[in-house]
Amino acid sequence: MKQAGNPLYRRHRFPSEVIAHTVWLYFRFPLSLRMIEDMFAMRGITVSHETVRRWAAKFGREFANKIRRRTPQLGDKWHLDEVAIMVNGKKHWLWRAVDRDGFVLDALVQSRRDKRAAERILRKLIRKQARAPRVLVTDKLGSYGAARKNMGMKFEHRQHKGLNNRAENSH
């Protein structure tokens, strides 16, 4: 007797394995809908980008939750750094935060490099990570220390030119 497939994928033209793999690809890697369509076309499976979008909307939450649960726990030691970039001929600052393993926590482009800008990136990071770091490693820019004091944060703050290579390398 033939065993019934997953009832979640009932009444779909494609097998559950194809649907599951498609949605997994979309949520796991930074691929566009058309890139996934092309990948399956190379394998002889004709799936439109619109179908991929519908599958992602219908089944995506489950896959996104599974992938998020499997990601390694981010480190409690954050490295922050900023670098000057030109946007439309104007100087801006790209602020980046990296954890102890080199995983990019967040990036933010701002026009200033002052206490308010440092506060903004710290607030965004803490809100996104849902916790403050144990140790914050930065370069010798005074804005970081002023922002930390102004926010009332009690984590350890290390300022040293050589300690911040992890963030420097991520640029």
Protein backbone atom coordinates (compact mmCIF):
# COMPACT_ATOMS: atom_id res chain seq x y z
CA MET A 1 0.00 0.00 0.00
CA LYS A 2 1.34 3.44 -0.90
CA GLN A 3 2.01 5.64 2.08
CA ALA A 4 0.45 9.10 2.08
CA GLY A 5 2.82 12.08 1.76
CA ASN A 6 3.00 15.04 4.04
CA PRO A 7 -0.51 16.53 4.32
CA LEU A 8 1.03 19.99 4.35
CA TYR A 9 1.93 19.61 0.66
CA ARG A 10 -1.35 17.99 -0.40
CA ARG A 11 -2.91 19.18 -3.67
CA HIS A 12 0.37 20.48 -5.09
CA ARG A 13 1.65 19.41 -8.50
CA PHE A 14 5.23 18.91 -7.34
CA PRO A 15 6.44 16.32 -4.83
CA SER A 16 6.96 17.49 -1.28
CA GLU A 17 10.73 17.03 -1.61
CA VAL A 18 10.93 19.55 -4.47
CA ILE A 19 8.79 22.09 -2.63
CA ALA A 20 10.73 21.67 0.59
CA HIS A 21 14.09 21.97 -1.17
CA THR A 22 12.97 25.08 -3.06
CA VAL A 23 11.77 26.87 0.07
CA TRP A 24 14.88 25.79 1.98
CA LEU A 25 17.14 27.24 -0.76
CA TYR A 26 15.26 30.52 -0.72
CA PHE A 27 15.49 31.00 3.04
CA ARG A 28 18.93 29.49 3.63
CA PHE A 29 20.93 31.32 0.95
CA PRO A 30 20.70 34.87 -0.41
CA LEU A 31 19.16 33.74 -3.70
CA SER A 32 16.51 35.55 -5.70
CA LEU A 33 13.34 33.85 -6.88
CA ARG A 34 14.60 33.89 -10.46
CA MET A 35 17.93 32.34 -9.46
CA ILE A 36 16.09 29.43 -7.85
CA GLU A 37 13.93 29.13 -10.96
CA ASP A 38 17.11 28.90 -13.08
CA MET A 39 18.70 26.35 -10.74
CA PHE A 40 15.72 24.04 -11.09
CA ALA A 41 15.55 24.64 -14.85
CA MET A 42 19.14 23.38 -15.14
CA ARG A 43 17.99 20.19 -13.42
CA GLY A 44 15.02 19.78 -15.78
CA ILE A 45 12.33 20.96 -13.35
CA THR A 46 10.19 23.82 -14.64
CA VAL A 47 9.12 26.01 -11.73
CA SER A 48 8.26 29.67 -12.20
CA HIS A 49 9.57 32.35 -9.88
CA GLU A 50 5.98 33.17 -8.96
CA THR A 51 5.46 29.59 -7.77
CA VAL A 52 8.62 29.82 -5.68
CA ARG A 53 7.31 33.07 -4.16
CA ARG A 54 3.96 31.46 -3.29
CA TRP A 55 5.67 28.44 -1.73
CA ALA A 56 7.92 30.71 0.29
CA ALA A 57 4.90 32.65 1.55
CA LYS A 58 2.97 29.47 2.40
CA PHE A 59 5.70 27.24 3.84
CA GLY A 60 8.45 29.74 4.62
CA ARG A 61 7.76 30.48 8.28
CA GLU A 62 8.39 26.84 9.25
CA PHE A 63 11.69 26.71 7.34
CA ALA A 64 12.85 30.09 8.61
CA ASN A 65 12.21 29.01 12.21
CA LYS A 66 14.13 25.75 11.71
CA ILE A 67 17.10 27.53 10.14
CA ARG A 68 17.12 30.18 12.90
CA ARG A 69 17.05 27.48 15.59
CA ARG A 70 20.00 25.68 14.00
CA THR A 71 22.24 28.72 13.66
CA PRO A 72 25.03 28.78 16.19
CA GLN A 73 24.62 31.02 19.20
CA LEU A 74 26.24 34.34 18.53
CA GLY A 75 29.16 35.36 20.70
CA ASP A 76 28.95 37.75 23.61
CA LYS A 77 32.11 39.58 22.57
CA TRP A 78 31.38 42.22 19.95
CA HIS A 79 33.91 44.05 17.78
CA LEU A 80 32.76 47.42 16.43
CA ASP A 81 34.45 49.46 13.76
CA GLU A 82 33.67 52.18 11.27
CA VAL A 83 35.11 52.91 7.85
CA ALA A 84 34.70 55.93 5.57
CA ILE A 85 32.83 55.36 2.31
CA MET A 86 31.65 57.67 -0.45
CA VAL A 87 27.94 57.69 -1.32
CA ASN A 88 26.98 59.97 -4.21
CA GLY A 89 30.19 61.95 -3.68
CA LYS A 90 29.48 62.53 0.03
CA LYS A 91 31.48 61.04 2.86
CA HIS A 92 29.54 58.57 5.03
CA TRP A 93 30.54 56.09 7.69
CA LEU A 94 29.87 52.36 7.49
CA TRP A 95 29.59 51.01 11.05
CA ARG A 96 29.96 47.25 11.39
CA ALA A 97 29.61 44.91 14.32
CA VAL A 98 31.16 41.45 14.32
CA ASP A 99 31.01 38.77 17.01
CA ARG A 100 34.02 36.81 18.32
CA ASP A 101 33.72 34.22 15.51
CA GLY A 102 33.65 36.77 12.70
CA PHE A 103 29.89 36.59 12.10
CA VAL A 104 28.57 40.00 11.02
CA LEU A 105 25.94 41.10 13.52
CA ASP A 106 24.86 44.26 11.77
CA ALA A 107 25.97 47.14 9.56
CA LEU A 108 24.74 50.71 9.43
CA VAL A 109 25.60 53.63 7.15
CA GLN A 110 25.48 57.08 8.76
CA SER A 111 26.64 60.52 7.80
CA ARG A 112 28.19 61.22 11.21
CA ARG A 113 30.85 59.69 13.42
CA ASP A 114 29.89 61.06 16.82
CA LYS A 115 28.36 59.94 20.12
CA ARG A 116 24.83 59.94 18.71
CA ALA A 117 25.87 57.73 15.78
CA ALA A 118 27.63 55.27 18.12
CA GLU A 119 24.55 55.18 20.35
CA ARG A 120 22.37 54.43 17.38
CA ILE A 121 24.42 51.41 16.28
CA LEU A 122 24.63 50.11 19.87
CA ARG A 123 20.88 50.44 20.41
CA LYS A 124 20.18 48.72 17.11
CA LEU A 125 22.53 45.87 18.00
CA ILE A 126 21.14 45.35 21.48
CA ARG A 127 17.58 45.42 20.17
CA LYS A 128 18.42 42.94 17.40
CA GLN A 129 20.41 40.58 19.64
CA ALA A 130 18.01 40.97 22.61
CA ARG A 131 20.94 41.30 25.01
CA ALA A 132 23.96 43.44 25.69
CA PRO A 133 27.48 42.14 25.02
CA ARG A 134 29.77 40.90 27.76
CA VAL A 135 32.74 42.68 26.14
CA LEU A 136 32.80 45.42 23.52
CA VAL A 137 36.05 45.80 21.57
CA THR A 138 36.55 49.02 19.60
CA ASP A 139 39.28 51.22 18.26
CA LYS A 140 40.29 54.37 20.12
CA LEU A 141 37.33 56.48 18.94
CA GLY A 142 35.94 58.26 22.00
CA SER A 143 32.34 58.14 20.75
CA TYR A 144 31.97 54.51 21.80
CA GLY A 145 32.80 55.18 25.45
CA ALA A 146 30.60 58.29 25.55
CA ALA A 147 27.69 56.38 24.03
CA ARG A 148 28.11 53.52 26.50
CA LYS A 149 28.10 55.90 29.47
CA ASN A 150 25.16 57.86 28.14
CA MET A 151 23.14 54.64 27.68
CA GLY A 152 24.02 53.47 31.20
CA MET A 153 25.48 50.16 30.00
CA LYS A 154 27.79 48.23 32.32
CA PHE A 155 29.57 45.85 29.90
CA GLU A 156 33.36 45.78 29.67
CA HIS A 157 34.73 48.11 27.00
CA ARG A 158 38.18 47.44 25.57
CA GLN A 159 39.76 50.10 23.38
CA HIS A 160 42.91 49.05 21.62
CA LYS A 161 44.27 49.41 18.11
CA GLY A 162 45.34 45.77 17.74
CA LEU A 163 42.38 44.09 19.44
CA ASN A 164 39.90 45.25 16.84
CA ASN A 165 41.39 43.35 13.90
CA ARG A 166 38.35 41.04 13.72
CA ALA A 167 36.11 43.98 12.74
CA GLU A 168 38.79 45.53 10.52
CA ASN A 169 39.10 42.30 8.53
CA SER A 170 35.36 42.06 7.98
CA HIS A 171 35.35 45.32 6.00
